[in-house]
C-alpha atoms as a PDB file:
ATOM      1  CA  LYS A   1      43.465  -5.790 -62.449  1.00  0.00           C
ATOM      2  CA  LEU A   2      45.911  -4.469 -65.013  1.00  0.00           C
ATOM      3  CA  TRP A   3      45.183  -0.805 -64.293  1.00  0.00           C
ATOM      4  CA  ASP A   4      46.597  -1.292 -60.771  1.00  0.00           C
ATOM      5  CA  ARG A   5      50.040  -1.623 -62.363  1.00  0.00           C
ATOM      6  CA  CYS A   6      50.017   2.008 -63.511  1.00  0.00           C
ATOM      7  CA  PRO A   7      47.102   3.799 -61.794  1.00  0.00           C
ATOM      8  CA  GLU A   8      48.279   7.248 -62.920  1.00  0.00           C
ATOM      9  CA  ALA A   9      48.014   6.241 -66.613  1.00  0.00           C
ATOM     10  CA  PRO A  10      46.216   2.879 -67.006  1.00  0.00           C
ATOM     11  CA  GLU A  11      45.879   3.413 -70.772  1.00  0.00           C
ATOM     12  CA  LYS A  12      49.649   2.839 -71.010  1.00  0.00           C
ATOM     13  CA  ILE A  13      49.374  -0.765 -69.804  1.00  0.00           C
ATOM     14  CA  CYS A  14      49.764  -3.238 -72.648  1.00  0.00           C
ATOM     15  CA  ARG A  15      49.714  -6.994 -72.919  1.00  0.00           C
ATOM     16  CA  ILE A  16      51.354  -8.786 -75.832  1.00  0.00           C
ATOM     17  CA  THR A  17      50.605 -12.458 -76.462  1.00  0.00           C
ATOM     18  CA  PHE A  18      53.026 -14.669 -78.410  1.00  0.00           C
ATOM     19  CA  PHE A  19      51.725 -18.011 -79.654  1.00  0.00           C
ATOM     20  CA  LEU A  20      54.354 -20.711 -79.212  1.00  0.00           C
ATOM     21  CA  GLU A  21      52.518 -23.498 -81.054  1.00  0.00           C
ATOM     22  CA  ASP A  22      49.987 -23.646 -83.873  1.00  0.00           C
ATOM     23  CA  TRP A  23      46.287 -23.382 -83.032  1.00  0.00           C
ATOM     24  CA  ARG A  24      44.319 -26.541 -82.284  1.00  0.00           C
ATOM     25  CA  PRO A  25      40.513 -26.956 -82.484  1.00  0.00           C
ATOM     26  CA  GLY A  26      38.904 -25.821 -79.226  1.00  0.00           C
ATOM     27  CA  GLN A  27      41.393 -23.001 -78.552  1.00  0.00           C
ATOM     28  CA  PHE A  28      40.254 -19.411 -78.997  1.00  0.00           C
ATOM     29  CA  TYR A  29      40.305 -15.780 -77.983  1.00  0.00           C
ATOM     30  CA  LEU A  30      37.174 -13.638 -78.183  1.00  0.00           C
ATOM     31  CA  TYR A  31      37.361  -9.874 -78.724  1.00  0.00           C
ATOM     32  CA  GLY A  32      33.916  -8.279 -78.739  1.00  0.00           C
ATOM     33  CA  ASN A  33      32.123 -10.355 -81.402  1.00  0.00           C
ATOM     34  CA  PHE A  34      35.331 -11.463 -83.175  1.00  0.00           C
ATOM     35  CA  VAL A  35      36.723 -14.956 -82.584  1.00  0.00           C
ATOM     36  CA  TYR A  36      40.504 -15.180 -82.979  1.00  0.00           C
ATOM     37  CA  GLU A  37      41.673 -18.673 -83.883  1.00  0.00           C
ATOM     38  CA  ARG A  38      43.823 -20.628 -86.354  1.00  0.00           C
ATOM     39  CA  TRP A  39      47.007 -18.833 -85.291  1.00  0.00           C
ATOM     40  CA  LYS A  40      50.452 -20.087 -86.238  1.00  0.00           C
ATOM     41  CA  ALA A  41      53.425 -20.493 -83.918  1.00  0.00           C
ATOM     42  CA  GLY A  42      55.354 -17.232 -83.842  1.00  0.00           C
ATOM     43  CA  GLU A  43      52.330 -14.944 -84.234  1.00  0.00           C
ATOM     44  CA  ALA A  44      51.866 -12.184 -81.697  1.00  0.00           C
ATOM     45  CA  HIS A  45      49.009  -9.837 -80.925  1.00  0.00           C
ATOM     46  CA  ILE A  46      48.099  -6.884 -78.787  1.00  0.00           C
ATOM     47  CA  PHE A  47      44.659  -5.371 -78.212  1.00  0.00           C
ATOM     48  CA  ASP A  48      42.916  -2.557 -76.352  1.00  0.00           C
ATOM     49  CA  TRP A  49      42.215  -4.658 -73.236  1.00  0.00           C
ATOM     50  CA  SER A  50      40.567  -1.854 -71.247  1.00  0.00           C
ATOM     51  CA  ASN A  51      37.932  -1.015 -73.900  1.00  0.00           C
ATOM     52  CA  VAL A  52      37.219  -4.329 -75.633  1.00  0.00           C
ATOM     53  CA  PRO A  53      35.269  -7.132 -73.930  1.00  0.00           C
ATOM     54  CA  HIS A  54      37.420 -10.235 -74.181  1.00  0.00           C
ATOM     55  CA  ALA A  55      37.732 -13.856 -73.135  1.00  0.00           C
ATOM     56  CA  THR A  56      39.909 -16.852 -73.901  1.00  0.00           C
ATOM     57  CA  ALA A  57      39.645 -20.595 -73.454  1.00  0.00           C
ATOM     58  CA  ASN A  58      41.414 -23.810 -74.199  1.00  0.00           C
ATOM     59  CA  ALA A  59      38.634 -26.335 -74.663  1.00  0.00           C
ATOM     60  CA  SER A  60      40.922 -28.719 -76.523  1.00  0.00           C
ATOM     61  CA  ASN A  61      42.726 -31.705 -75.074  1.00  0.00           C
ATOM     62  CA  LYS A  62      46.123 -30.224 -76.065  1.00  0.00           C
ATOM     63  CA  PRO A  63      48.243 -27.639 -74.221  1.00  0.00           C
ATOM     64  CA  ARG A  64      48.129 -24.054 -75.500  1.00  0.00           C
ATOM     65  CA  PRO A  65      51.587 -22.652 -74.712  1.00  0.00           C
ATOM     66  CA  LEU A  66      51.785 -18.855 -74.802  1.00  0.00           C
ATOM     67  CA  LEU A  67      54.210 -16.171 -73.773  1.00  0.00           C
ATOM     68  CA  VAL A  68      52.328 -13.165 -72.386  1.00  0.00           C
ATOM     69  CA  ILE A  69      54.189  -9.950 -71.600  1.00  0.00           C
ATOM     70  CA  THR A  70      52.406  -7.256 -69.608  1.00  0.00           C
ATOM     71  CA  GLY A  71      53.970  -3.869 -69.039  1.00  0.00           C
ATOM     72  CA  VAL A  72      53.897  -0.131 -69.579  1.00  0.00           C
ATOM     73  CA  MET A  73      53.814   1.054 -73.189  1.00  0.00           C
ATOM     74  CA  THR A  74      56.698   3.440 -73.883  1.00  0.00           C
ATOM     75  CA  GLU A  75      57.769   5.280 -77.008  1.00  0.00           C
ATOM     76  CA  LYS A  76      60.392   2.566 -77.526  1.00  0.00           C
ATOM     77  CA  THR A  77      57.647  -0.091 -77.365  1.00  0.00           C
ATOM     78  CA  ARG A  78      55.609   1.838 -79.971  1.00  0.00           C
ATOM     79  CA  GLU A  79      58.672   2.104 -82.197  1.00  0.00           C
ATOM     80  CA  ILE A  80      59.344  -1.648 -81.999  1.00  0.00           C
ATOM     81  CA  LEU A  81      55.698  -2.539 -82.660  1.00  0.00           C
ATOM     82  CA  SER A  82      55.482  -0.187 -85.647  1.00  0.00           C
ATOM     83  CA  LYS A  83      58.209  -2.058 -87.557  1.00  0.00           C
ATOM     84  CA  PRO A  84      57.392  -5.112 -89.661  1.00  0.00           C
ATOM     85  CA  ILE A  85      58.783  -8.432 -88.493  1.00  0.00           C
ATOM     86  CA  LYS A  86      61.347  -9.606 -91.019  1.00  0.00           C
ATOM     87  CA  LYS A  87      61.513 -13.256 -90.029  1.00  0.00           C
ATOM     88  CA  LYS A  88      59.982 -15.775 -87.690  1.00  0.00           C
ATOM     89  CA  VAL A  89      61.920 -16.545 -84.556  1.00  0.00           C
END
């Protein structure tokens, strides 16, 4: 449970997902009634995990490499996330 990582302020817990390869058919994330698919390598996303029903699956026959960072949201994190990304890494 993510809220166990910061029980005094669970709303500060964030999880950022970085997609390391392009989407393949059969791979998806589900947020409420929205299906997130067709991502490109280098995309990243964050969502309100504690208030949005969510699920993910890799029903393809290809790997779905991701980098997922979970931590406490700080003012520095907010500052970084508020800036546009100038180039793909």
